[in-house]
N, C-alpha and C. Protein backbone atom coordinates (compact mmCIF):
# COMPACT_ATOMS: atom_id res chain seq x y z
N MET A 1 -8.27 8.27 6.60
CA MET A 1 -7.98 8.83 5.12
C MET A 1 -9.01 9.92 5.14
N GLN A 2 -8.79 10.85 4.39
CA GLN A 2 -9.48 12.07 4.24
C GLN A 2 -9.84 12.53 2.81
N LYS A 3 -8.96 12.08 1.66
CA LYS A 3 -8.95 12.28 0.48
C LYS A 3 -8.49 11.44 -0.11
N LEU A 4 -9.05 11.10 -1.61
CA LEU A 4 -8.81 10.12 -2.42
C LEU A 4 -6.91 9.75 -2.38
N GLU A 5 -6.09 10.92 -2.41
CA GLU A 5 -4.86 10.94 -2.66
C GLU A 5 -4.03 10.15 -1.42
N ASP A 6 -4.76 10.17 -0.27
CA ASP A 6 -4.21 9.18 0.79
C ASP A 6 -4.00 7.80 0.45
N ILE A 7 -4.53 7.43 -0.48
CA ILE A 7 -4.55 5.82 -0.69
C ILE A 7 -2.79 5.71 -1.13
N HIS A 8 -2.20 6.54 -1.81
CA HIS A 8 -1.14 6.59 -2.06
C HIS A 8 0.26 6.46 -1.30
N THR A 9 -0.33 6.92 -0.02
CA THR A 9 0.46 6.84 1.19
C THR A 9 0.03 6.15 2.18
N LEU A 10 -0.42 5.04 1.79
CA LEU A 10 -0.64 3.91 2.92
C LEU A 10 0.56 2.88 2.90
N LYS A 11 0.88 2.38 4.41
CA LYS A 11 1.92 1.65 4.68
C LYS A 11 1.35 0.54 5.58
N GLU A 12 2.29 -0.60 5.39
CA GLU A 12 1.83 -1.50 6.49
C GLU A 12 1.91 -1.04 8.02
N GLY A 13 0.50 -1.55 8.71
CA GLY A 13 0.33 -1.10 9.85
C GLY A 13 -0.57 0.07 9.85
N ASP A 14 -0.86 0.57 8.88
CA ASP A 14 -1.55 2.02 8.95
C ASP A 14 -3.00 1.27 9.32
N PHE A 15 -3.63 -0.17 9.03
CA PHE A 15 -4.93 -0.31 9.61
C PHE A 15 -4.59 -1.72 10.20
N HIS A 16 -5.55 -1.89 10.97
CA HIS A 16 -5.77 -3.27 11.57
C HIS A 16 -6.97 -4.06 11.65
N LEU A 17 -7.04 -5.32 12.12
CA LEU A 17 -8.11 -5.97 11.94
C LEU A 17 -9.01 -5.61 13.09
N ILE A 18 -10.50 -5.61 12.90
CA ILE A 18 -11.53 -5.36 13.72
C ILE A 18 -12.39 -6.47 14.22
N GLU A 19 -13.21 -6.70 15.10
CA GLU A 19 -14.22 -7.43 15.52
C GLU A 19 -15.47 -6.98 14.75
N GLU A 20 -15.80 -5.81 14.59
CA GLU A 20 -16.78 -5.19 14.33
C GLU A 20 -16.88 -4.14 13.52
N LEU A 21 -17.73 -4.29 12.04
CA LEU A 21 -17.60 -3.51 11.25
C LEU A 21 -18.28 -2.15 11.47
N ASN A 22 -17.50 -0.98 11.68
CA ASN A 22 -18.31 0.23 11.71
C ASN A 22 -18.20 1.21 10.57
N LEU A 23 -19.43 1.44 9.82
CA LEU A 23 -19.11 2.07 8.77
C LEU A 23 -18.78 3.64 8.78
N GLU A 24 -19.09 4.03 9.90
CA GLU A 24 -18.51 5.28 10.44
C GLU A 24 -17.22 5.72 10.16
N ILE A 25 -15.93 4.78 10.37
CA ILE A 25 -14.69 4.82 10.45
C ILE A 25 -14.13 4.07 9.48
N VAL A 26 -14.56 2.95 8.78
CA VAL A 26 -14.05 2.17 7.99
C VAL A 26 -14.47 2.73 6.39
N PRO A 27 -13.39 3.18 5.80
CA PRO A 27 -13.42 3.36 4.38
C PRO A 27 -13.98 2.73 3.49
N GLY A 28 -14.69 2.63 2.43
CA GLY A 28 -14.93 1.78 1.58
C GLY A 28 -14.18 1.65 0.12
N PHE A 29 -14.01 0.76 -0.60
CA PHE A 29 -13.09 1.14 -1.75
C PHE A 29 -13.93 0.76 -3.11
N GLY A 30 -14.31 1.59 -4.03
CA GLY A 30 -15.19 1.20 -5.04
C GLY A 30 -15.25 0.28 -5.81
N ASN A 31 -14.01 -0.61 -6.24
CA ASN A 31 -14.08 -1.28 -6.85
C ASN A 31 -13.08 -2.36 -6.67
N LYS A 32 -12.81 -3.50 -7.23
CA LYS A 32 -11.80 -4.53 -7.00
C LYS A 32 -10.55 -4.13 -6.84
N GLU A 33 -10.19 -3.45 -8.35
CA GLU A 33 -8.80 -3.08 -8.40
C GLU A 33 -8.26 -2.08 -7.29
N THR A 34 -9.28 -1.17 -6.88
CA THR A 34 -8.83 0.10 -6.14
C THR A 34 -8.85 -0.90 -4.56
N ALA A 35 -9.62 -2.04 -4.31
CA ALA A 35 -9.46 -2.68 -2.89
C ALA A 35 -7.99 -3.30 -3.04
N LYS A 36 -7.87 -4.02 -4.32
CA LYS A 36 -6.60 -4.78 -4.33
C LYS A 36 -5.15 -3.93 -3.94
N ARG A 37 -5.30 -2.84 -4.95
CA ARG A 37 -4.07 -1.96 -4.72
C ARG A 37 -3.97 -1.41 -3.23
N VAL A 38 -4.87 -1.10 -2.19
CA VAL A 38 -5.13 -0.87 -1.08
C VAL A 38 -4.38 -2.12 -0.16
N ALA A 39 -4.99 -3.09 -0.49
CA ALA A 39 -4.61 -4.35 0.44
C ALA A 39 -3.14 -4.71 0.15
N LEU A 40 -2.50 -4.33 -1.15
CA LEU A 40 -1.01 -4.58 -1.37
C LEU A 40 -0.27 -3.32 -0.54
N ALA A 41 -0.64 -2.16 -0.71
CA ALA A 41 0.04 -1.18 0.03
C ALA A 41 0.10 -1.35 1.42
N ILE A 42 -0.75 -1.74 2.03
CA ILE A 42 -0.85 -2.07 3.71
C ILE A 42 0.02 -3.41 3.93
N GLY A 43 0.42 -4.04 2.97
CA GLY A 43 1.02 -5.34 3.28
C GLY A 43 0.41 -6.62 3.78
N LEU A 44 -1.10 -6.66 3.04
CA LEU A 44 -1.59 -7.67 2.93
C LEU A 44 -1.23 -8.81 2.22
N LYS A 45 -1.32 -10.07 2.52
CA LYS A 45 -0.96 -11.14 1.60
C LYS A 45 -2.12 -11.70 1.00
N THR A 46 -3.17 -11.65 1.49
CA THR A 46 -4.40 -12.21 1.05
C THR A 46 -5.82 -11.32 1.59
N TRP A 47 -6.67 -11.04 0.57
CA TRP A 47 -7.77 -10.18 0.90
C TRP A 47 -9.02 -10.85 0.03
N ARG A 48 -9.91 -10.00 0.44
CA ARG A 48 -11.15 -10.60 -0.29
C ARG A 48 -12.25 -9.13 -0.28
N TYR A 49 -12.43 -9.03 -1.55
CA TYR A 49 -13.50 -7.59 -1.78
C TYR A 49 -14.72 -7.93 -1.65
N VAL A 50 -15.45 -7.18 -0.69
CA VAL A 50 -17.04 -7.63 -0.30
C VAL A 50 -17.27 -6.08 -0.70
N ARG A 51 -18.64 -6.29 -1.20
CA ARG A 51 -19.20 -5.02 -1.44
C ARG A 51 -20.29 -4.54 -0.48
N LEU A 52 -20.08 -3.63 0.07
CA LEU A 52 -20.96 -2.96 1.21
C LEU A 52 -22.23 -1.98 0.52
N ASP A 53 -23.32 -1.98 1.15
CA ASP A 53 -24.16 -0.97 0.90
C ASP A 53 -23.80 0.32 1.80
N SER A 54 -23.72 1.55 0.80
CA SER A 54 -23.45 2.54 1.07
C SER A 54 -22.61 2.94 2.50
N PRO A 55 -21.26 2.48 2.17
CA PRO A 55 -20.13 3.31 3.31
C PRO A 55 -20.16 4.52 3.37
N LYS A 56 -19.63 5.26 4.66
CA LYS A 56 -19.67 6.81 4.61
C LYS A 56 -18.83 7.22 3.68
N ARG A 57 -17.70 6.87 3.18
CA ARG A 57 -16.84 7.31 2.60
C ARG A 57 -16.09 6.21 1.30
N THR A 58 -16.48 6.34 0.16
CA THR A 58 -15.80 5.49 -0.48
C THR A 58 -14.95 5.97 -1.55
N TYR A 59 -13.69 5.53 -1.74
CA TYR A 59 -12.63 5.49 -2.83
C TYR A 59 -12.40 4.68 -3.94
N THR A 60 -12.31 5.44 -5.27
CA THR A 60 -12.21 4.45 -6.38
C THR A 60 -10.98 5.29 -7.10
N LEU A 61 -9.99 4.31 -7.42
CA LEU A 61 -8.86 4.93 -8.33
C LEU A 61 -9.18 4.85 -9.67
N THR A 62 -8.94 5.88 -10.52
CA THR A 62 -9.40 5.32 -11.88
C THR A 62 -7.83 6.09 -12.73
N ALA A 63 -7.73 5.22 -13.87
CA ALA A 63 -6.61 5.41 -14.67
C ALA A 63 -6.47 6.72 -15.31
């Protein structure tokens, strides 16, 4: 993802689970609602919101 609008084009299979978290390549989502919308968009049935210290790219959806 390069810009905020990319969140709306996410689909199942765009992301995959990894063993080691690399903040250089893993985007952050700035609040629980944004993280929930992304999780649903990529087809996750369950998810957990975890706040990270200073991810390189953070996206937040606002109304």
